[in-house]
């Protein structure tokens, strides 16, 4: 029983880390897209569209 609990806790912990990495990666992707939109908006504002 202790072994099963240990395996379950380990599985839950590793899934949690994977989810954090996935969310962090998605956040970085969204941030990069936002930066590109800001750059394009600035270019258009400067008349370079």
PDB file of N, CA and C in Angstrom:
ATOM      1  N   UNK A   1       0.815  -1.187   0.000  1.00  0.00           N
ATOM      2  CA  UNK A   1       0.000   0.000   0.000  1.00  0.00           C
ATOM      3  C   UNK A   1       0.866   1.261   0.000  1.00  0.00           C
ATOM      4  N   UNK A   2       1.934   1.257   0.793  1.00  0.00           N
ATOM      5  CA  UNK A   2       2.831   2.406   0.830  1.00  0.00           C
ATOM      6  C   UNK A   2       3.495   2.614  -0.518  1.00  0.00           C
ATOM      7  N   UNK A   3       3.820   1.517  -1.163  1.00  0.00           N
ATOM      8  CA  UNK A   3       4.480   1.598  -2.471  1.00  0.00           C
ATOM      9  C   UNK A   3       3.535   2.234  -3.493  1.00  0.00           C
ATOM     10  N   UNK A   4       2.269   1.833  -3.470  1.00  0.00           N
ATOM     11  CA  UNK A   4       1.280   2.393  -4.382  1.00  0.00           C
ATOM     12  C   UNK A   4       1.110   3.892  -4.148  1.00  0.00           C
ATOM     13  N   UNK A   5       1.057   4.282  -2.899  1.00  0.00           N
ATOM     14  CA  UNK A   5       0.919   5.704  -2.575  1.00  0.00           C
ATOM     15  C   UNK A   5       2.133   6.501  -3.046  1.00  0.00           C
ATOM     16  N   UNK A   6       3.314   5.931  -2.868  1.00  0.00           N
ATOM     17  CA  UNK A   6       4.534   6.602  -3.311  1.00  0.00           C
ATOM     18  C   UNK A   6       4.536   6.771  -4.825  1.00  0.00           C
ATOM     19  N   UNK A   7       4.138   5.745  -5.545  1.00  0.00           N
ATOM     20  CA  UNK A   7       4.092   5.817  -7.009  1.00  0.00           C
ATOM     21  C   UNK A   7       3.056   6.850  -7.453  1.00  0.00           C
ATOM     22  N   UNK A   8       1.913   6.872  -6.800  1.00  0.00           N
ATOM     23  CA  UNK A   8       0.872   7.838  -7.153  1.00  0.00           C
ATOM     24  C   UNK A   8       1.332   9.269  -6.888  1.00  0.00           C
ATOM     25  N   UNK A   9       1.988   9.496  -5.769  1.00  0.00           N
ATOM     26  CA  UNK A   9       2.498  10.833  -5.464  1.00  0.00           C
ATOM     27  C   UNK A   9       3.561  11.262  -6.469  1.00  0.00           C
ATOM     28  N   UNK A  10       4.424  10.350  -6.833  1.00  0.00           N
ATOM     29  CA  UNK A  10       5.458  10.653  -7.823  1.00  0.00           C
ATOM     30  C   UNK A  10       4.837  10.995  -9.171  1.00  0.00           C
ATOM     31  N   UNK A  11       3.825  10.236  -9.575  1.00  0.00           N
ATOM     32  CA  UNK A  11       3.145  10.499 -10.844  1.00  0.00           C
ATOM     33  C   UNK A  11       2.466  11.868 -10.822  1.00  0.00           C
ATOM     34  N   UNK A  12       1.803  12.189  -9.726  1.00  0.00           N
ATOM     35  CA  UNK A  12       1.125  13.482  -9.620  1.00  0.00           C
ATOM     36  C   UNK A  12       2.130  14.630  -9.637  1.00  0.00           C
ATOM     37  N   UNK A  13       3.247  14.445  -8.969  1.00  0.00           N
ATOM     38  CA  UNK A  13       4.280  15.476  -8.935  1.00  0.00           C
ATOM     39  C   UNK A  13       4.869  15.706 -10.320  1.00  0.00           C
ATOM     40  N   UNK A  14       5.152  14.633 -11.048  1.00  0.00           N
ATOM     41  CA  UNK A  14       5.743  14.780 -12.378  1.00  0.00           C
ATOM     42  C   UNK A  14       4.752  15.390 -13.358  1.00  0.00           C
ATOM     43  N   UNK A  15       3.461  15.058 -13.229  1.00  0.00           N
ATOM     44  CA  UNK A  15       2.464  15.685 -14.101  1.00  0.00           C
ATOM     45  C   UNK A  15       2.349  17.167 -13.791  1.00  0.00           C
ATOM     46  N   UNK A  16       2.477  17.535 -12.544  1.00  0.00           N
ATOM     47  CA  UNK A  16       2.415  18.937 -12.160  1.00  0.00           C
ATOM     48  C   UNK A  16       3.559  19.731 -12.756  1.00  0.00           C
ATOM     49  N   UNK A  17       4.736  19.156 -12.751  1.00  0.00           N
ATOM     50  CA  UNK A  17       5.879  19.842 -13.357  1.00  0.00           C
ATOM     51  C   UNK A  17       5.697  20.003 -14.858  1.00  0.00           C
ATOM     52  N   UNK A  18       5.180  18.984 -15.498  1.00  0.00           N
ATOM     53  CA  UNK A  18       4.942  19.054 -16.938  1.00  0.00           C
ATOM     54  C   UNK A  18       3.940  20.148 -17.250  1.00  0.00           C
ATOM     55  N   UNK A  19       2.883  20.232 -16.475  1.00  0.00           N
ATOM     56  CA  UNK A  19       1.867  21.261 -16.697  1.00  0.00           C
ATOM     57  C   UNK A  19       2.463  22.651 -16.507  1.00  0.00           C
ATOM     58  N   UNK A  20       3.294  22.817 -15.512  1.00  0.00           N
ATOM     59  CA  UNK A  20       3.921  24.128 -15.284  1.00  0.00           C
ATOM     60  C   UNK A  20       4.794  24.516 -16.464  1.00  0.00           C
ATOM     61  N   UNK A  21       5.574  23.570 -16.963  1.00  0.00           N
ATOM     62  CA  UNK A  21       6.424  23.859 -18.113  1.00  0.00           C
ATOM     63  C   UNK A  21       5.590  24.195 -19.332  1.00  0.00           C
ATOM     64  N   UNK A  22       4.481  23.506 -19.519  1.00  0.00           N
ATOM     65  CA  UNK A  22       3.620  23.767 -20.666  1.00  0.00           C
ATOM     66  C   UNK A  22       3.017  25.161 -20.571  1.00  0.00           C
ATOM     67  N   UNK A  23       2.521  25.532 -19.417  1.00  0.00           N
ATOM     68  CA  UNK A  23       1.928  26.851 -19.232  1.00  0.00           C
ATOM     69  C   UNK A  23       2.987  27.936 -19.385  1.00  0.00           C
ATOM     70  N   UNK A  24       4.161  27.697 -18.856  1.00  0.00           N
ATOM     71  CA  UNK A  24       5.244  28.678 -18.977  1.00  0.00           C
ATOM     72  C   UNK A  24       5.623  28.863 -20.441  1.00  0.00           C
ATOM     73  N   UNK A  25       5.692  27.776 -21.179  1.00  0.00           N
ATOM     74  CA  UNK A  25       6.013  27.863 -22.613  1.00  0.00           C
ATOM     75  C   UNK A  25       4.943  28.605 -23.376  1.00  0.00           C
ATOM     76  N   UNK A  26       3.693  28.341 -23.070  1.00  0.00           N
ATOM     77  CA  UNK A  26       2.591  29.037 -23.735  1.00  0.00           C
ATOM     78  C   UNK A  26       2.631  30.525 -23.413  1.00  0.00           C
ATOM     79  N   UNK A  27       2.941  30.849 -22.182  1.00  0.00           N
ATOM     80  CA  UNK A  27       3.051  32.255 -21.796  1.00  0.00           C
ATOM     81  C   UNK A  27       4.144  32.972 -22.566  1.00  0.00           C
ATOM     82  N   UNK A  28       5.259  32.315 -22.758  1.00  0.00           N
ATOM     83  CA  UNK A  28       6.355  32.912 -23.539  1.00  0.00           C
ATOM     84  C   UNK A  28       5.940  33.103 -24.987  1.00  0.00           C
ATOM     85  N   UNK A  29       5.210  32.134 -25.553  1.00  0.00           N
ATOM     86  CA  UNK A  29       4.743  32.253 -26.929  1.00  0.00           C
ATOM     87  C   UNK A  29       3.791  33.437 -27.080  1.00  0.00           C
ATOM     88  N   UNK A  30       2.868  33.577 -26.147  1.00  0.00           N
ATOM     89  CA  UNK A  30       1.915  34.687 -26.193  1.00  0.00           C
ATOM     90  C   UNK A  30       2.652  36.015 -26.054  1.00  0.00           C
ATOM     91  N   UNK A  31       3.658  36.040 -25.211  1.00  0.00           N
ATOM     92  CA  UNK A  31       4.430  37.263 -25.028  1.00  0.00           C
ATOM     93  C   UNK A  31       5.144  37.649 -26.318  1.00  0.00           C
ATOM     94  N   UNK A  32       5.725  36.686 -27.009  1.00  0.00           N
ATOM     95  CA  UNK A  32       6.418  36.977 -28.267  1.00  0.00           C
ATOM     96  C   UNK A  32       5.451  37.489 -29.327  1.00  0.00           C
ATOM     97  N   UNK A  33       4.261  36.894 -29.394  1.00  0.00           N
ATOM     98  CA  UNK A  33       3.257  37.365 -30.346  1.00  0.00           C
ATOM     99  C   UNK A  33       2.872  38.804 -30.021  1.00  0.00           C
ATOM    100  N   UNK A  34       2.692  39.106 -28.756  1.00  0.00           N
ATOM    101  CA  UNK A  34       2.365  40.464 -28.343  1.00  0.00           C
ATOM    102  C   UNK A  34       3.453  41.456 -28.733  1.00  0.00           C
ATOM    103  N   UNK A  35       4.688  41.060 -28.593  1.00  0.00           N
ATOM    104  CA  UNK A  35       5.800  41.935 -28.976  1.00  0.00           C
ATOM    105  C   UNK A  35       5.790  42.199 -30.470  1.00  0.00           C
ATOM    106  N   UNK A  36       5.497  41.169 -31.267  1.00  0.00           N
ATOM    107  CA  UNK A  36       5.441  41.334 -32.729  1.00  0.00           C
ATOM    108  C   UNK A  36       4.298  42.280 -33.112  1.00  0.00           C
ATOM    109  N   UNK A  37       3.149  42.143 -32.450  1.00  0.00           N
ATOM    110  CA  UNK A  37       2.019  43.023 -32.733  1.00  0.00           C
ATOM    111  C   UNK A  37       2.374  44.462 -32.378  1.00  0.00           C
ATOM    112  N   UNK A  38       3.032  44.645 -31.238  1.00  0.00           N
ATOM    113  CA  UNK A  38       3.446  45.991 -30.848  1.00  0.00           C
ATOM    114  C   UNK A  38       4.421  46.584 -31.859  1.00  0.00           C
ATOM    115  N   UNK A  39       5.378  45.777 -32.326  1.00  0.00           N
ATOM    116  CA  UNK A  39       6.342  46.253 -33.311  1.00  0.00           C
ATOM    117  C   UNK A  39       5.644  46.668 -34.601  1.00  0.00           C
ATOM    118  N   UNK A  40       4.703  45.848 -35.060  1.00  0.00           N
ATOM    119  CA  UNK A  40       3.981  46.150 -36.296  1.00  0.00           C
ATOM    120  C   UNK A  40       3.134  47.404 -36.124  1.00  0.00           C
ATOM    121  N   UNK A  41       2.493  47.529 -34.970  1.00  0.00           N
ATOM    122  CA  UNK A  41       1.676  48.732 -34.710  1.00  0.00           C
ATOM    123  C   UNK A  41       2.551  49.979 -34.707  1.00  0.00           C
ATOM    124  N   UNK A  42       3.726  49.880 -34.137  1.00  0.00           N
ATOM    125  CA  UNK A  42       4.644  51.022 -34.119  1.00  0.00           C
ATOM    126  C   UNK A  42       5.097  51.367 -35.527  1.00  0.00           C
ATOM    127  N   UNK A  43       5.389  50.336 -36.337  1.00  0.00           N
ATOM    128  CA  UNK A  43       5.781  50.582 -37.738  1.00  0.00           C
ATOM    129  C   UNK A  43       4.674  51.312 -38.494  1.00  0.00           C
ATOM    130  N   UNK A  44       3.427  50.868 -38.288  1.00  0.00           N
ATOM    131  CA  UNK A  44       2.296  51.506 -38.975  1.00  0.00           C
ATOM    132  C   UNK A  44       2.105  52.935 -38.489  1.00  0.00           C
ATOM    133  N   UNK A  45       2.334  53.143 -37.214  1.00  0.00           N
ATOM    134  CA  UNK A  45       2.211  54.481 -36.649  1.00  0.00           C
ATOM    135  C   UNK A  45       3.256  55.417 -37.263  1.00  0.00           C
ATOM    136  N   UNK A  46       4.433  54.853 -37.547  1.00  0.00           N
ATOM    137  CA  UNK A  46       5.512  55.643 -38.139  1.00  0.00           C
ATOM    138  C   UNK A  46       5.370  55.775 -39.639  1.00  0.00           C
ATOM    139  N   UNK A  47       4.329  55.171 -40.227  1.00  0.00           N
ATOM    140  CA  UNK A  47       4.085  55.275 -41.664  1.00  0.00           C
ATOM    141  C   UNK A  47       4.848  54.274 -42.499  1.00  0.00           C
ATOM    142  N   UNK A  48       5.265  53.167 -41.898  1.00  0.00           N
ATOM    143  CA  UNK A  48       6.055  52.152 -42.620  1.00  0.00           C
ATOM    144  C   UNK A  48       5.218  50.928 -42.995  1.00  0.00           C
ATOM    145  N   UNK A  49       3.881  51.058 -42.977  1.00  0.00           N
ATOM    146  CA  UNK A  49       3.026  49.908 -43.319  1.00  0.00           C
ATOM    147  C   UNK A  49       3.042  49.632 -44.807  1.00  0.00           C
TER     148      UNK A  49
END
